[in-house]
């Protein structure tokens, strides 16, 4: 028997393994976290946000932590809960110019200029 020189996982070396699917970039993950915090402010607590989104409270708490990166599936649920296209949420383009960046409500100055 020879000496094992590199770790083999399921018949492949670590270098040969394919990536585990789609992952969010750091900017997209940050935008998902901002949207999650917006939902929490809107609904009052993680339990209510979890009920609206159809996931567990613990999953939301883990996703909102700074060390963790939210999954693409959670990003889809967050976008649906906000009523936005996924692309708009991931890019951070959630509001129109002249409106509140958190709630989307038009400011009185924007209404007067129309």
N, C-alpha and C. Protein backbone atom coordinates (compact mmCIF):
# COMPACT_ATOMS: atom_id res chain seq x y z
N UNK A 1 0.83 -1.19 0.00
CA UNK A 1 0.00 0.00 0.00
C UNK A 1 0.87 1.25 0.00
N UNK A 2 0.49 2.15 -0.82
CA UNK A 2 1.24 3.38 -0.90
C UNK A 2 0.72 4.40 0.11
N UNK A 3 1.43 5.45 0.26
CA UNK A 3 1.04 6.51 1.18
C UNK A 3 0.05 7.42 0.45
N UNK A 4 -1.03 7.74 1.14
CA UNK A 4 -2.02 8.64 0.57
C UNK A 4 -1.44 10.05 0.54
N UNK A 5 -1.28 10.59 -0.63
CA UNK A 5 -0.64 11.89 -0.76
C UNK A 5 -1.63 13.04 -0.86
N UNK A 6 -2.83 12.77 -1.31
CA UNK A 6 -3.84 13.82 -1.35
C UNK A 6 -5.19 13.22 -1.00
N UNK A 7 -6.03 14.06 -0.45
CA UNK A 7 -7.33 13.60 0.00
C UNK A 7 -8.24 13.37 -1.19
N UNK A 8 -8.88 12.22 -1.22
CA UNK A 8 -9.80 11.88 -2.30
C UNK A 8 -11.21 11.88 -1.72
N UNK A 9 -12.11 12.62 -2.36
CA UNK A 9 -13.50 12.71 -1.93
C UNK A 9 -14.37 12.15 -3.03
N UNK A 10 -15.06 11.04 -2.74
CA UNK A 10 -15.96 10.39 -3.70
C UNK A 10 -15.27 10.12 -5.03
N UNK A 11 -14.06 9.63 -4.97
CA UNK A 11 -13.35 9.27 -6.20
C UNK A 11 -12.65 10.43 -6.88
N UNK A 12 -12.77 11.63 -6.37
CA UNK A 12 -12.12 12.79 -6.97
C UNK A 12 -11.25 13.48 -5.95
N UNK A 13 -10.24 14.16 -6.41
CA UNK A 13 -9.44 14.98 -5.50
C UNK A 13 -10.19 16.27 -5.25
N UNK A 14 -9.79 16.98 -4.23
CA UNK A 14 -10.45 18.24 -3.91
C UNK A 14 -10.36 19.24 -5.06
N UNK A 15 -9.24 19.26 -5.75
CA UNK A 15 -9.07 20.22 -6.83
C UNK A 15 -9.99 19.91 -8.01
N UNK A 16 -10.37 18.63 -8.19
CA UNK A 16 -11.21 18.24 -9.32
C UNK A 16 -12.69 18.45 -9.06
N UNK A 17 -13.08 18.66 -7.81
CA UNK A 17 -14.49 18.81 -7.50
C UNK A 17 -15.06 20.05 -8.13
N UNK A 18 -16.30 19.95 -8.56
CA UNK A 18 -16.98 21.11 -9.13
C UNK A 18 -17.55 21.96 -8.01
N UNK A 19 -17.76 23.25 -8.25
CA UNK A 19 -18.37 24.09 -7.23
C UNK A 19 -19.77 23.58 -6.88
N UNK A 20 -20.22 23.88 -5.68
CA UNK A 20 -21.49 23.37 -5.18
C UNK A 20 -22.68 24.19 -5.67
N UNK A 21 -22.68 24.68 -6.85
CA UNK A 21 -23.81 25.42 -7.37
C UNK A 21 -23.64 26.92 -7.25
N UNK A 22 -24.72 27.60 -7.48
CA UNK A 22 -24.74 29.06 -7.49
C UNK A 22 -24.59 29.62 -6.09
N UNK A 23 -23.74 30.62 -5.93
CA UNK A 23 -23.60 31.32 -4.67
C UNK A 23 -23.69 32.82 -4.93
N UNK A 24 -24.19 33.55 -3.96
CA UNK A 24 -24.32 34.99 -4.09
C UNK A 24 -22.95 35.65 -3.93
N UNK A 25 -22.74 36.74 -4.64
CA UNK A 25 -21.53 37.53 -4.45
C UNK A 25 -21.63 38.25 -3.11
N UNK A 26 -20.55 38.85 -2.68
CA UNK A 26 -20.57 39.56 -1.39
C UNK A 26 -21.52 40.76 -1.44
N UNK A 27 -21.59 41.45 -2.58
CA UNK A 27 -22.51 42.59 -2.72
C UNK A 27 -23.95 42.12 -2.69
N UNK A 28 -24.25 41.05 -3.41
CA UNK A 28 -25.61 40.51 -3.41
C UNK A 28 -26.02 40.03 -2.02
N UNK A 29 -25.09 39.38 -1.32
CA UNK A 29 -25.37 38.91 0.04
C UNK A 29 -25.66 40.08 0.97
N UNK A 30 -24.90 41.15 0.82
CA UNK A 30 -25.13 42.34 1.65
C UNK A 30 -26.50 42.94 1.36
N UNK A 31 -26.90 42.96 0.08
CA UNK A 31 -28.21 43.49 -0.27
C UNK A 31 -29.34 42.63 0.28
N UNK A 32 -29.15 41.31 0.31
CA UNK A 32 -30.15 40.42 0.89
C UNK A 32 -30.27 40.68 2.39
N UNK A 33 -29.14 40.90 3.05
CA UNK A 33 -29.17 41.17 4.49
C UNK A 33 -29.88 42.49 4.80
N UNK A 34 -29.66 43.50 3.97
CA UNK A 34 -30.36 44.78 4.15
C UNK A 34 -31.86 44.57 3.97
N UNK A 35 -32.23 43.80 2.96
CA UNK A 35 -33.65 43.52 2.73
C UNK A 35 -34.25 42.73 3.89
N UNK A 36 -33.50 41.79 4.46
CA UNK A 36 -33.98 41.04 5.62
C UNK A 36 -34.21 41.97 6.81
N UNK A 37 -33.29 42.86 7.04
CA UNK A 37 -33.45 43.81 8.15
C UNK A 37 -34.63 44.74 7.91
N UNK A 38 -34.86 45.09 6.65
CA UNK A 38 -36.03 45.90 6.29
C UNK A 38 -37.31 45.14 6.61
N UNK A 39 -37.35 43.86 6.26
CA UNK A 39 -38.53 43.04 6.56
C UNK A 39 -38.74 42.93 8.06
N UNK A 40 -37.66 42.79 8.81
CA UNK A 40 -37.80 42.69 10.26
C UNK A 40 -38.35 43.99 10.84
N UNK A 41 -37.87 45.13 10.35
CA UNK A 41 -38.38 46.41 10.82
C UNK A 41 -39.86 46.58 10.43
N UNK A 42 -40.20 46.09 9.27
CA UNK A 42 -41.57 46.22 8.77
C UNK A 42 -42.55 45.35 9.56
N UNK A 43 -42.12 44.13 9.92
CA UNK A 43 -43.02 43.18 10.59
C UNK A 43 -42.81 43.11 12.10
N UNK A 44 -41.75 43.68 12.63
CA UNK A 44 -41.57 43.75 14.06
C UNK A 44 -40.68 42.70 14.68
N UNK A 45 -40.69 41.47 14.20
CA UNK A 45 -39.85 40.42 14.79
C UNK A 45 -39.57 39.34 13.75
N UNK A 46 -38.53 38.54 14.04
CA UNK A 46 -38.14 37.48 13.11
C UNK A 46 -39.24 36.43 12.97
N UNK A 47 -39.97 36.16 14.04
CA UNK A 47 -41.02 35.14 13.98
C UNK A 47 -42.09 35.52 12.94
N UNK A 48 -42.47 36.78 12.91
CA UNK A 48 -43.48 37.22 11.95
C UNK A 48 -42.93 37.20 10.52
N UNK A 49 -41.67 37.59 10.36
CA UNK A 49 -41.04 37.54 9.03
C UNK A 49 -40.96 36.09 8.55
N UNK A 50 -40.61 35.18 9.46
CA UNK A 50 -40.54 33.76 9.11
C UNK A 50 -41.91 33.23 8.68
N UNK A 51 -42.96 33.68 9.36
CA UNK A 51 -44.31 33.25 8.99
C UNK A 51 -44.68 33.76 7.59
N UNK A 52 -44.35 35.00 7.31
CA UNK A 52 -44.65 35.59 5.99
C UNK A 52 -43.87 34.89 4.89
N UNK A 53 -42.61 34.57 5.16
CA UNK A 53 -41.74 33.98 4.14
C UNK A 53 -41.89 32.47 4.02
N UNK A 54 -42.43 31.83 5.04
CA UNK A 54 -42.58 30.38 5.00
C UNK A 54 -41.29 29.63 5.31
N UNK A 55 -40.48 30.18 6.21
CA UNK A 55 -39.25 29.50 6.62
C UNK A 55 -39.15 29.59 8.14
N UNK A 56 -38.06 29.08 8.69
CA UNK A 56 -37.92 29.08 10.14
C UNK A 56 -37.27 30.38 10.62
N UNK A 57 -37.57 30.71 11.86
CA UNK A 57 -36.99 31.89 12.48
C UNK A 57 -35.47 31.76 12.58
N UNK A 58 -35.00 30.57 12.89
CA UNK A 58 -33.56 30.33 13.04
C UNK A 58 -32.83 30.53 11.71
N UNK A 59 -33.44 30.13 10.60
CA UNK A 59 -32.82 30.33 9.29
C UNK A 59 -32.62 31.81 9.00
N UNK A 60 -33.61 32.63 9.38
CA UNK A 60 -33.50 34.07 9.16
C UNK A 60 -32.43 34.68 10.07
N UNK A 61 -32.39 34.23 11.31
CA UNK A 61 -31.38 34.76 12.23
C UNK A 61 -29.97 34.41 11.75
N UNK A 62 -29.78 33.19 11.27
CA UNK A 62 -28.47 32.79 10.74
C UNK A 62 -28.09 33.62 9.52
N UNK A 63 -29.06 33.85 8.63
CA UNK A 63 -28.78 34.61 7.40
C UNK A 63 -28.44 36.06 7.71
N UNK A 64 -29.02 36.60 8.77
CA UNK A 64 -28.78 38.01 9.11
C UNK A 64 -27.45 38.22 9.84
N UNK A 65 -26.84 37.13 10.33
CA UNK A 65 -25.55 37.27 11.00
C UNK A 65 -24.49 37.74 10.00
N UNK A 66 -23.53 38.47 10.49
CA UNK A 66 -22.51 39.03 9.59
C UNK A 66 -21.57 37.97 9.04
N UNK A 67 -21.38 36.86 9.75
CA UNK A 67 -20.43 35.84 9.31
C UNK A 67 -20.98 34.97 8.19
N UNK A 68 -22.27 34.86 8.08
CA UNK A 68 -22.88 33.93 7.14
C UNK A 68 -23.31 34.62 5.85
N UNK A 69 -23.32 33.85 4.78
CA UNK A 69 -23.77 34.36 3.48
C UNK A 69 -25.12 33.71 3.18
N UNK A 70 -26.15 34.52 2.90
CA UNK A 70 -27.47 33.95 2.62
C UNK A 70 -27.45 33.09 1.36
N UNK A 71 -28.33 32.12 1.31
CA UNK A 71 -28.41 31.24 0.15
C UNK A 71 -29.24 31.90 -0.95
N UNK A 72 -29.06 31.47 -2.19
CA UNK A 72 -29.88 31.99 -3.29
C UNK A 72 -31.37 31.70 -3.08
N UNK A 73 -31.70 30.57 -2.49
CA UNK A 73 -33.10 30.25 -2.23
C UNK A 73 -33.73 31.23 -1.25
N UNK A 74 -32.97 31.59 -0.21
CA UNK A 74 -33.47 32.57 0.76
C UNK A 74 -33.63 33.93 0.09
N UNK A 75 -32.73 34.28 -0.81
CA UNK A 75 -32.84 35.54 -1.53
C UNK A 75 -34.14 35.58 -2.34
N UNK A 76 -34.51 34.47 -2.92
CA UNK A 76 -35.77 34.39 -3.67
C UNK A 76 -36.96 34.61 -2.74
N UNK A 77 -36.94 33.99 -1.57
CA UNK A 77 -38.03 34.16 -0.60
C UNK A 77 -38.13 35.61 -0.11
N UNK A 78 -36.98 36.24 0.12
CA UNK A 78 -36.97 37.63 0.58
C UNK A 78 -37.56 38.54 -0.49
N UNK A 79 -37.17 38.33 -1.74
CA UNK A 79 -37.69 39.15 -2.84
C UNK A 79 -39.20 38.98 -2.96
N UNK A 80 -39.69 37.76 -2.83
CA UNK A 80 -41.14 37.53 -2.90
C UNK A 80 -41.86 38.21 -1.75
N UNK A 81 -41.28 38.16 -0.55
CA UNK A 81 -41.91 38.79 0.61
C UNK A 81 -41.97 40.31 0.45
N UNK A 82 -40.98 40.88 -0.23
CA UNK A 82 -40.97 42.33 -0.47
C UNK A 82 -41.79 42.72 -1.70
N UNK A 83 -42.15 41.73 -2.51
CA UNK A 83 -42.89 42.03 -3.73
C UNK A 83 -42.02 42.66 -4.81
N UNK A 84 -40.76 42.26 -4.85
CA UNK A 84 -39.80 42.81 -5.81
C UNK A 84 -39.26 41.72 -6.71
N UNK A 85 -38.79 42.09 -7.89
CA UNK A 85 -38.04 41.12 -8.70
C UNK A 85 -36.72 40.79 -7.99
N UNK A 86 -36.27 39.57 -8.14
CA UNK A 86 -35.03 39.14 -7.48
C UNK A 86 -33.86 40.01 -7.92
N UNK A 87 -33.80 40.34 -9.19
CA UNK A 87 -32.69 41.15 -9.71
C UNK A 87 -32.64 42.51 -9.04
N UNK A 88 -33.81 43.12 -8.82
CA UNK A 88 -33.84 44.44 -8.18
C UNK A 88 -33.33 44.37 -6.75
N UNK A 89 -33.69 43.32 -6.04
CA UNK A 89 -33.23 43.19 -4.67
C UNK A 89 -31.73 42.90 -4.61
N UNK A 90 -31.24 42.03 -5.49
CA UNK A 90 -29.82 41.68 -5.46
C UNK A 90 -28.92 42.85 -5.85
N UNK A 91 -29.40 43.73 -6.73
CA UNK A 91 -28.60 44.89 -7.12
C UNK A 91 -28.76 46.06 -6.16
N UNK A 92 -29.76 46.00 -5.29
CA UNK A 92 -29.98 47.07 -4.34
C UNK A 92 -30.85 48.18 -4.87
N UNK A 93 -31.43 48.03 -6.05
CA UNK A 93 -32.29 49.05 -6.65
C UNK A 93 -33.73 48.81 -6.19
N UNK A 94 -33.99 49.12 -4.93
CA UNK A 94 -35.30 48.84 -4.37
C UNK A 94 -36.24 50.03 -4.38
N UNK A 95 -35.74 51.20 -4.63
CA UNK A 95 -36.62 52.36 -4.55
C UNK A 95 -36.35 53.32 -5.70
N UNK A 96 -37.33 54.13 -5.97
CA UNK A 96 -37.20 55.14 -7.03
C UNK A 96 -36.48 56.36 -6.46
N UNK A 97 -35.87 57.17 -7.33
CA UNK A 97 -35.23 58.40 -6.85
C UNK A 97 -36.26 59.31 -6.18
N UNK A 98 -35.89 59.91 -5.06
CA UNK A 98 -36.79 60.79 -4.34
C UNK A 98 -37.66 60.06 -3.33
N UNK A 99 -37.47 58.76 -3.17
CA UNK A 99 -38.25 58.01 -2.19
C UNK A 99 -37.35 57.47 -1.09
N UNK A 100 -37.97 57.06 -0.02
CA UNK A 100 -37.23 56.51 1.12
C UNK A 100 -36.54 55.22 0.69
N UNK A 101 -35.23 55.08 0.93
CA UNK A 101 -34.54 53.86 0.50
C UNK A 101 -34.98 52.63 1.28
N UNK A 102 -35.58 52.80 2.45
CA UNK A 102 -36.00 51.65 3.24
C UNK A 102 -37.43 51.22 2.94
N UNK A 103 -38.36 52.14 2.88
CA UNK A 103 -39.77 51.74 2.71
C UNK A 103 -40.31 52.03 1.31
N UNK A 104 -39.64 52.86 0.53
CA UNK A 104 -40.09 53.16 -0.82
C UNK A 104 -41.13 54.26 -0.89
N UNK A 105 -41.50 54.84 0.25
CA UNK A 105 -42.51 55.90 0.26
C UNK A 105 -41.95 57.17 -0.36
N UNK A 106 -42.73 57.79 -1.23
CA UNK A 106 -42.28 59.02 -1.89
C UNK A 106 -42.24 60.16 -0.88
N UNK A 107 -41.16 60.95 -0.92
CA UNK A 107 -41.07 62.08 -0.01
C UNK A 107 -41.97 63.20 -0.50
N UNK A 108 -42.28 64.13 0.37
CA UNK A 108 -43.16 65.23 0.01
C UNK A 108 -42.53 66.10 -1.09
N UNK A 109 -41.21 66.22 -1.11
CA UNK A 109 -40.54 66.99 -2.16
C UNK A 109 -40.73 66.34 -3.52
N UNK A 110 -40.66 65.01 -3.56
CA UNK A 110 -40.83 64.30 -4.82
C UNK A 110 -42.26 64.42 -5.33
N UNK A 111 -43.24 64.44 -4.41
CA UNK A 111 -44.63 64.56 -4.81
C UNK A 111 -44.92 65.97 -5.34
N UNK A 112 -44.28 66.99 -4.76
CA UNK A 112 -44.50 68.36 -5.21
C UNK A 112 -43.90 68.61 -6.59
N UNK A 113 -42.82 67.95 -6.91
CA UNK A 113 -42.16 68.18 -8.19
C UNK A 113 -42.90 67.52 -9.35
N UNK A 114 -43.81 66.62 -9.07
CA UNK A 114 -44.55 65.94 -10.13
C UNK A 114 -45.63 66.78 -10.62
